[in-house]
Amino acid sequence: MQPITRLDFYRFHGRLRPLSYLYGQPMSRYLEYPWTANALQPLDGRPLLDVGASRSPLTILLAHLGAEVVALDQDPLVMDLPTMATRANLTAAARSITPRLLDARAMPYADGFFSRVCSVSVLEHIPEDGDTIVAKEMARVLAPGGLMALTLPFGQNYRPPGPDPAQERFQRIYDGPALAERVIEPTGLNVVKREYFGVRMERLFRTLQLPTKVRLSRLFTGWVSAVTPSRICGFLDDDEMNKAGGVCVLLRKPKKPAD
């Protein structure tokens, strides 16, 4: 299968919601969603857990690519996912999505139940030590040899969340040590790859984003996000870490030793 590109996701999202051809996702999602779908391949018939799915187009894309998806969230909007897929004439994907209203800190699934698990920009919003608890739960329900894909905000210094979880922007920002201590190491999984993304040309990027500051002009966000070149905003080289605003991590659960 050819890798899914930013433009591929833009077109797929437009199929789900035609208005998103103009008014789309935040720009980072056009990096995180294709990266996650590509990192978890192959998906054909594999049970996959998407933690914090809400009404994410990624969930439907993963089902469209062949996964049997359990979409888990405490947000009732997660129940809309099969209907969204059906309205886009993605009936096979709709049948492959099982939405569940559950708390990811205590999931009712057996150890090793899923071949794939993912969570896109979710763990940072969970208060107290919830990010660590959910990461460990995701690892628990992942089968030996299975893959876990995570995306998280990233910066040069760790920033804890604010005091009120009800705040709209309640989230933590991870640095290297916090990412290792709070998320990666507690899972006991092996890092397959870790990629950082961010803005290379800050001034030009801010110019492109100016229309999104005006409510009416937010109709530009979809196609602007899809066509912005990676030399402006994209995945970074090792010597560009000071520009990182997010990180994508792929982990693999060790296989059990043969008897």
Foldseek 3Di string as FASTA:
>chain_A
DDQQALLNVLVLVCLLPVLLLQQNDALVCSAQLSVQLVLQPPAAAFEEEEEACQQPSSLLVSLLNHHQYEYEELDPSQVCNLVSCVVSVNNSSSVSYHYDNDDLLDDPAAFQQGQEYEYEADLFLDPDLSSLSNLQSRLRNRHAQGKYKYKHWEAQDWAAFDPDSPDPPGGIHYYDVCCVPRHPVSNVWAWPDKWFWFFQAVVVVVVLCVLCVDPVSSSRRNNSSSPPDVNGIHIDDPVPRNGGTMMMIMTGHHHDDDD
